[in-house]
Protein backbone atom coordinates (compact mmCIF):
# COMPACT_ATOMS: atom_id res chain seq x y z
CA UNK A 1 -114.88 78.65 -47.63
CA UNK A 2 -115.45 75.68 -49.92
CA UNK A 3 -113.39 74.92 -53.02
CA UNK A 4 -115.16 72.83 -55.66
CA UNK A 5 -112.83 71.15 -58.18
CA UNK A 6 -114.41 69.51 -61.22
CA UNK A 7 -111.83 66.76 -61.72
CA UNK A 8 -108.72 65.27 -60.17
CA UNK A 9 -105.39 65.31 -61.97
CA UNK A 10 -105.28 69.04 -62.77
CA UNK A 11 -103.06 71.94 -61.78
CA UNK A 12 -104.97 72.53 -58.54
CA UNK A 13 -104.17 69.13 -57.02
CA UNK A 14 -100.76 69.96 -55.50
CA UNK A 15 -102.04 73.32 -54.25
CA UNK A 16 -105.02 71.63 -52.61
CA UNK A 17 -102.71 69.08 -50.96
CA UNK A 18 -100.55 71.89 -49.56
CA UNK A 19 -103.44 73.84 -48.06
CA UNK A 20 -103.31 74.29 -44.30
CA UNK A 21 -104.89 76.68 -41.79
CA UNK A 22 -103.15 80.06 -41.61
CA UNK A 23 -103.44 82.12 -38.42
CA UNK A 24 -107.11 82.50 -37.59
CA UNK A 25 -108.24 81.47 -41.09
CA UNK A 26 -109.20 77.80 -41.55
CA UNK A 27 -108.20 75.97 -44.70
CA UNK A 28 -111.03 75.70 -47.26
CA UNK A 29 -112.95 72.47 -47.46
CA UNK A 30 -112.24 70.84 -50.82
CA UNK A 31 -114.83 68.93 -52.87
CA UNK A 32 -113.94 66.91 -56.00
CA UNK A 33 -116.86 66.13 -58.30
CA UNK A 34 -117.20 62.44 -59.10
CA UNK A 35 -116.47 62.19 -62.80
CA UNK A 36 -115.49 58.53 -62.69
CA UNK A 37 -113.36 57.54 -65.68
CA UNK A 38 -114.48 60.42 -67.90
CA UNK A 39 -112.00 63.07 -66.67
CA UNK A 40 -113.16 65.99 -68.79
CA UNK A 41 -113.09 69.70 -68.05
CA UNK A 42 -116.69 70.12 -69.18
CA UNK A 43 -118.43 67.58 -66.94
CA UNK A 44 -119.69 68.67 -63.51
CA UNK A 45 -121.84 65.86 -62.11
CA UNK A 46 -123.72 66.74 -58.95
CA UNK A 47 -122.63 70.39 -58.89
CA UNK A 48 -126.08 71.85 -58.32
CA UNK A 49 -126.90 69.28 -55.63
CA UNK A 50 -123.58 69.96 -53.87
CA UNK A 51 -124.21 73.71 -53.83
CA UNK A 52 -127.69 73.21 -52.43
CA UNK A 53 -126.23 71.11 -49.62
CA UNK A 54 -123.50 73.62 -48.80
CA UNK A 55 -125.98 76.57 -48.70
CA UNK A 56 -123.32 79.18 -49.59
CA UNK A 57 -123.81 82.94 -49.38
CA UNK A 58 -121.84 83.62 -52.59
CA UNK A 59 -120.66 81.34 -55.40
CA UNK A 60 -117.69 82.44 -57.57
CA UNK A 61 -117.03 80.48 -60.78
CA UNK A 62 -113.39 80.87 -61.81
CA UNK A 63 -112.46 80.09 -65.39
CA UNK A 64 -114.21 79.30 -68.64
CA UNK A 65 -115.64 75.92 -67.68
CA UNK A 66 -116.99 77.03 -64.30
CA UNK A 67 -118.63 80.13 -65.75
CA UNK A 68 -120.38 78.06 -68.42
CA UNK A 69 -121.90 75.90 -65.70
CA UNK A 70 -122.81 79.09 -63.86
CA UNK A 71 -124.88 79.94 -66.93
CA UNK A 72 -127.02 76.91 -66.11
CA UNK A 73 -127.19 77.74 -62.41
CA UNK A 74 -128.21 81.34 -63.11
CA UNK A 75 -131.53 80.30 -64.65
CA UNK A 76 -132.78 78.40 -61.58
CA UNK A 77 -134.08 79.75 -58.26
CA UNK A 78 -131.14 79.93 -55.87
CA UNK A 79 -130.50 81.07 -52.34
CA UNK A 80 -126.97 82.40 -52.98
CA UNK A 81 -125.48 85.33 -54.85
CA UNK A 82 -123.68 84.43 -58.07
CA UNK A 83 -120.50 86.38 -58.81
CA UNK A 84 -119.37 85.59 -62.38
CA UNK A 85 -115.82 86.35 -63.53
CA UNK A 86 -114.44 87.46 -66.89
CA UNK A 87 -110.70 86.86 -67.17
CA UNK A 88 -110.11 85.80 -70.78
CA UNK A 89 -109.18 87.37 -74.09
CA UNK A 90 -110.81 84.57 -76.08
CA UNK A 91 -114.37 84.55 -77.39
CA UNK A 92 -116.91 83.09 -74.98
CA UNK A 93 -119.75 80.63 -75.64
CA UNK A 94 -123.47 81.09 -75.03
CA UNK A 95 -123.63 79.66 -71.50
CA UNK A 96 -120.73 81.86 -70.38
CA UNK A 97 -122.55 84.90 -71.77
CA UNK A 98 -125.71 83.84 -69.96
CA UNK A 99 -123.80 83.68 -66.66
CA UNK A 100 -122.41 87.16 -67.20
CA UNK A 101 -125.88 88.47 -68.05
CA UNK A 102 -127.81 86.86 -65.20
CA UNK A 103 -125.34 86.75 -62.32
CA UNK A 104 -125.67 89.16 -59.42
CA UNK A 105 -122.25 90.69 -60.05
CA UNK A 106 -119.32 90.54 -62.49
CA UNK A 107 -115.63 90.78 -61.68
CA UNK A 108 -113.22 91.35 -64.58
CA UNK A 109 -109.44 91.46 -64.32
CA UNK A 110 -109.04 94.55 -66.50
CA UNK A 111 -111.01 97.64 -67.51
CA UNK A 112 -110.48 96.62 -71.12
CA UNK A 113 -112.29 93.36 -70.39
CA UNK A 114 -115.37 95.26 -69.18
CA UNK A 115 -115.24 97.45 -72.29
CA UNK A 116 -115.03 94.31 -74.45
CA UNK A 117 -118.04 92.81 -72.69
CA UNK A 118 -120.03 95.92 -73.55
CA UNK A 119 -118.85 96.28 -77.15
CA UNK A 120 -118.66 92.62 -78.24
CA UNK A 121 -121.46 91.05 -76.21
CA UNK A 122 -123.63 94.02 -75.22
CA UNK A 123 -123.23 93.16 -71.55
CA UNK A 124 -123.00 96.55 -69.89
CA UNK A 125 -123.55 96.54 -66.13
CA UNK A 126 -121.80 99.59 -64.67
CA UNK A 127 -123.55 99.30 -61.29
CA UNK A 128 -122.96 95.58 -60.80
CA UNK A 129 -119.47 95.04 -62.16
CA UNK A 130 -115.94 96.05 -61.20
CA UNK A 131 -112.28 95.31 -61.86
CA UNK A 132 -110.04 93.34 -59.53
CA UNK A 133 -106.62 92.77 -61.06
CA UNK A 134 -104.72 89.49 -60.94
CA UNK A 135 -102.73 89.43 -57.73
CA UNK A 136 -99.14 88.24 -58.07
CA UNK A 137 -99.05 84.92 -56.22
CA UNK A 138 -95.25 84.51 -56.35
CA UNK A 139 -92.92 85.96 -53.76
CA UNK A 140 -90.34 88.37 -55.18
CA UNK A 141 -89.41 89.96 -51.84
CA UNK A 142 -87.28 87.11 -50.48
CA UNK A 143 -84.46 85.00 -51.90
CA UNK A 144 -85.35 83.53 -55.30
CA UNK A 145 -84.49 79.82 -55.71
CA UNK A 146 -82.19 79.05 -58.61
CA UNK A 147 -83.54 75.59 -59.35
CA UNK A 148 -84.18 76.39 -63.03
CA UNK A 149 -80.64 77.60 -63.75
CA UNK A 150 -77.49 75.55 -64.12
CA UNK A 151 -75.39 78.31 -62.50
CA UNK A 152 -76.07 81.45 -60.54
CA UNK A 153 -76.80 84.34 -62.97
CA UNK A 154 -74.46 87.27 -63.17
CA UNK A 155 -75.94 90.56 -61.94
CA UNK A 156 -77.35 92.51 -64.88
CA UNK A 157 -75.48 95.69 -64.08
CA UNK A 158 -71.99 94.23 -63.44
CA UNK A 159 -71.29 92.16 -66.54
CA UNK A 160 -69.11 94.36 -68.84
CA UNK A 161 -70.20 92.60 -72.06
CA UNK A 162 -73.47 90.88 -71.23
CA UNK A 163 -75.59 88.81 -73.51
CA UNK A 164 -78.97 90.51 -73.79
CA UNK A 165 -81.44 88.00 -72.38
CA UNK A 166 -85.04 88.29 -73.60
CA UNK A 167 -87.74 86.23 -71.93
CA UNK A 168 -91.35 85.24 -72.64
CA UNK A 169 -93.42 82.87 -70.49
CA UNK A 170 -96.79 81.61 -71.75
CA UNK A 171 -98.56 78.59 -73.16
CA UNK A 172 -97.69 77.71 -76.77
CA UNK A 173 -101.09 78.33 -78.34
CA UNK A 174 -101.86 79.83 -81.78
CA UNK A 175 -103.01 83.16 -80.31
CA UNK A 176 -99.79 83.60 -78.30
CA UNK A 177 -97.73 84.05 -81.49
CA UNK A 178 -94.28 83.14 -80.16
CA UNK A 179 -93.30 82.44 -83.78
CA UNK A 180 -93.83 86.14 -84.50
CA UNK A 181 -91.47 87.02 -81.65
CA UNK A 182 -88.81 84.69 -83.05
CA UNK A 183 -88.99 86.43 -86.43
CA UNK A 184 -88.73 89.88 -84.86
CA UNK A 185 -85.67 88.86 -82.84
CA UNK A 186 -84.06 87.45 -85.97
CA UNK A 187 -83.93 91.02 -87.30
CA UNK A 188 -81.86 92.40 -84.41
CA UNK A 189 -78.55 93.83 -85.69
CA UNK A 190 -75.38 91.77 -85.50
CA UNK A 191 -73.81 94.06 -82.90
CA UNK A 192 -76.41 92.98 -80.31
CA UNK A 193 -75.51 89.68 -78.68
CA UNK A 194 -78.90 88.32 -77.63
CA UNK A 195 -80.64 85.16 -76.51
CA UNK A 196 -84.34 84.43 -76.12
CA UNK A 197 -86.00 82.05 -73.68
CA UNK A 198 -89.52 80.89 -74.54
CA UNK A 199 -90.86 78.99 -71.54
CA UNK A 200 -94.05 76.97 -71.65
CA UNK A 201 -95.71 73.99 -73.31
CA UNK A 202 -98.44 73.67 -75.91
CA UNK A 203 -99.36 72.67 -79.46
CA UNK A 204 -97.36 75.37 -81.30
CA UNK A 205 -94.06 74.75 -79.53
CA UNK A 206 -92.80 72.31 -82.18
CA UNK A 207 -93.49 74.81 -84.98
CA UNK A 208 -91.61 77.51 -83.07
CA UNK A 209 -88.61 75.22 -82.59
CA UNK A 210 -88.66 74.41 -86.31
CA UNK A 211 -88.75 78.12 -87.16
CA UNK A 212 -85.78 78.80 -84.88
CA UNK A 213 -83.82 76.09 -86.73
CA UNK A 214 -84.93 77.40 -90.14
CA UNK A 215 -83.64 80.88 -89.28
CA UNK A 216 -80.35 79.52 -87.93
CA UNK A 217 -81.18 80.63 -84.40
CA UNK A 218 -81.27 77.30 -82.58
CA UNK A 219 -78.25 78.31 -80.47
CA UNK A 220 -79.88 81.61 -79.44
CA UNK A 221 -83.42 80.46 -78.57
CA UNK A 222 -84.05 78.21 -75.59
CA UNK A 223 -87.23 76.19 -74.98
CA UNK A 224 -87.08 74.98 -71.34
CA UNK A 225 -90.68 73.74 -71.28
CA UNK A 226 -93.17 74.41 -68.51
CA UNK A 227 -91.42 75.74 -65.42
CA UNK A 228 -92.98 75.15 -62.03
CA UNK A 229 -91.25 78.27 -60.72
CA UNK A 230 -90.01 80.76 -63.36
CA UNK A 231 -88.62 83.33 -60.91
CA UNK A 232 -84.98 82.38 -61.52
CA UNK A 233 -85.63 82.83 -65.26
CA UNK A 234 -86.74 86.42 -64.65
CA UNK A 235 -83.69 86.96 -62.44
CA UNK A 236 -81.41 86.04 -65.35
CA UNK A 237 -83.27 88.17 -67.92
CA UNK A 238 -83.02 91.78 -69.13
CA UNK A 239 -86.30 92.43 -70.97
CA UNK A 240 -89.75 90.79 -70.93
CA UNK A 241 -91.25 90.49 -74.43
CA UNK A 242 -94.79 89.59 -75.50
CA UNK A 243 -96.34 89.42 -79.00
CA UNK A 244 -99.69 87.76 -78.33
CA UNK A 245 -102.84 88.34 -80.40
CA UNK A 246 -105.28 87.71 -77.53
CA UNK A 247 -104.91 88.31 -73.83
CA UNK A 248 -106.86 89.09 -70.72
CA UNK A 249 -104.32 90.41 -68.24
CA UNK A 250 -101.10 88.36 -68.64
CA UNK A 251 -99.65 87.19 -65.33
CA UNK A 252 -96.28 86.81 -67.05
CA UNK A 253 -95.91 90.58 -67.47
CA UNK A 254 -96.94 91.18 -63.86
CA UNK A 255 -94.37 88.68 -62.57
CA UNK A 256 -91.63 89.98 -64.86
CA UNK A 257 -92.13 93.51 -63.55
CA UNK A 258 -92.14 92.28 -59.96
CA UNK A 259 -88.66 90.98 -60.78
CA UNK A 260 -87.61 94.38 -62.16
CA UNK A 261 -87.82 93.70 -65.89
CA UNK A 262 -88.84 96.36 -68.43
CA UNK A 263 -91.47 95.25 -70.94
CA UNK A 264 -91.93 95.41 -74.71
CA UNK A 265 -95.40 94.13 -75.68
CA UNK A 266 -98.13 94.49 -78.26
CA UNK A 267 -101.19 96.53 -77.27
CA UNK A 268 -103.89 93.83 -77.14
CA UNK A 269 -106.75 93.52 -74.68
CA UNK A 270 -105.57 94.15 -71.10
CA UNK A 271 -101.81 94.23 -71.79
CA UNK A 272 -101.73 98.03 -71.61
CA UNK A 273 -102.97 97.91 -68.01
CA UNK A 274 -100.03 95.83 -66.81
CA UNK A 275 -97.26 98.44 -67.25
CA UNK A 276 -96.58 102.12 -67.86
CA UNK A 277 -95.81 103.04 -71.47
CA UNK A 278 -92.45 104.84 -71.84
CA UNK A 279 -91.88 104.55 -68.08
CA UNK A 280 -91.61 100.83 -67.39
CA UNK A 281 -91.74 99.58 -70.96
CA UNK A 282 -93.01 100.16 -74.48
CA UNK A 283 -96.60 99.42 -75.55
CA UNK A 284 -96.48 98.72 -79.30
CA UNK A 285 -99.41 99.01 -81.72
CA UNK A 286 -100.66 95.51 -82.47
CA UNK A 287 -98.73 93.72 -85.22
CA UNK A 288 -96.38 96.67 -85.86
CA UNK A 289 -93.25 94.57 -86.10
CA UNK A 290 -91.03 97.51 -87.09
CA UNK A 291 -92.05 99.50 -83.99
CA UNK A 292 -91.56 96.44 -81.78
CA UNK A 293 -88.06 95.89 -83.19
CA UNK A 294 -87.19 99.57 -82.75
CA UNK A 295 -88.30 99.58 -79.09
CA UNK A 296 -86.35 96.40 -78.47
CA UNK A 297 -83.20 97.92 -79.96
CA UNK A 298 -83.67 101.07 -77.89
CA UNK A 299 -83.66 99.10 -74.64
CA UNK A 300 -80.99 96.68 -75.85
CA UNK A 301 -78.48 99.44 -76.51
CA UNK A 302 -79.25 101.55 -73.44
CA UNK A 303 -78.46 99.68 -70.17
CA UNK A 304 -79.14 102.75 -67.95
CA UNK A 305 -82.62 103.09 -69.46
CA UNK A 306 -83.25 99.37 -68.91
CA UNK A 307 -82.30 99.80 -65.28
CA UNK A 308 -84.50 102.88 -64.90
CA UNK A 309 -87.48 101.19 -66.59
CA UNK A 310 -86.91 98.05 -64.50
CA UNK A 311 -87.05 99.96 -61.23
CA UNK A 312 -90.23 101.72 -62.37
CA UNK A 313 -91.67 98.34 -63.37
CA UNK A 314 -91.01 96.83 -59.95
CA UNK A 315 -92.51 99.81 -58.15
CA UNK A 316 -95.58 99.82 -60.40
CA UNK A 317 -96.21 96.08 -60.04
CA UNK A 318 -95.88 96.16 -56.25
CA UNK A 319 -98.40 98.99 -55.98
CA UNK A 320 -100.94 97.69 -58.51
CA UNK A 321 -100.76 93.89 -58.40
CA UNK A 322 -99.90 92.89 -54.85
CA UNK A 323 -101.75 89.78 -53.71
CA UNK A 324 -102.78 91.50 -50.48
CA UNK A 325 -104.47 94.40 -52.29
CA UNK A 326 -106.43 92.15 -54.66
CA UNK A 327 -107.44 89.77 -51.86
CA UNK A 328 -108.69 92.71 -49.80
CA UNK A 329 -110.73 93.91 -52.78
CA UNK A 330 -112.41 90.50 -53.07
CA UNK A 331 -113.15 90.40 -49.34
CA UNK A 332 -114.77 93.84 -49.45
CA UNK A 333 -116.89 92.82 -52.42
CA UNK A 334 -117.94 89.50 -50.87
CA UNK A 335 -118.89 91.26 -47.64
CA UNK A 336 -121.10 93.71 -49.52
CA UNK A 337 -122.79 90.94 -51.53
CA UNK A 338 -123.40 88.68 -48.52
């Protein structure tokens, strides 16, 4: 296996450095494209020449930038199979659409994503497309490190008068709508003692902090920034909440359920495929703030139901989003293509 990285200095660097052979599987050979001083996500100098030299059986572009370049590769004669991926809730540009149209196969990370390809872009390939969900890459089976917490959290079920801890983990981008979540939480009744943690970085974080101050909620809403390992945050939480406008299949909701958290989330894109409505959480019609608030109050005032939903969430996530199951699905697909 070869891993081609467009530029140095990104999120993949520490993972690449930590790669080592495992069992009988060798570590992938890593290739950084030579961007020089430019350092942009959209520049891939020498990519086609590198692929020709490697003579791969299958090429898998992962992410928006890689799939756009795959749109260029798809128009040329090639000796390899091209497996394009669709894992975004955002609109996609022309070259990305070309890759999805001309590749040998498409993998999406939700059934809703395939439906959106057909309805929004008229890319309907039932015989050469399939769904492989995001596998949960974090370990929730062993001891969870508490590096993100000042003190060890109290068990959720043994604190006689607990503070209800709500959590949301995602980038602060306009489509994520954390400011909407802040306003919904501000309407919780006075008899519910709650706090909200909004983890992540991004351009809308400052506006969300200002809104929390404006509503007099600065002492209830915590902005810890981007967490390298959010597992201890899930361990200290009671409910995972999500009010985004656009999604593909949010890893945050998968990880939260792996940690045993019930979910309250808006029904957008692939969100509804991450949990079981009225069994491990509540799927709320998009932008129905009153329904979201009602579901939140229901779980907030019913600890036994939270526990029941949380156990169902953990069981569902382990069965549907295990890394082993998704990896096996990719291996079967690659074997059939090669």
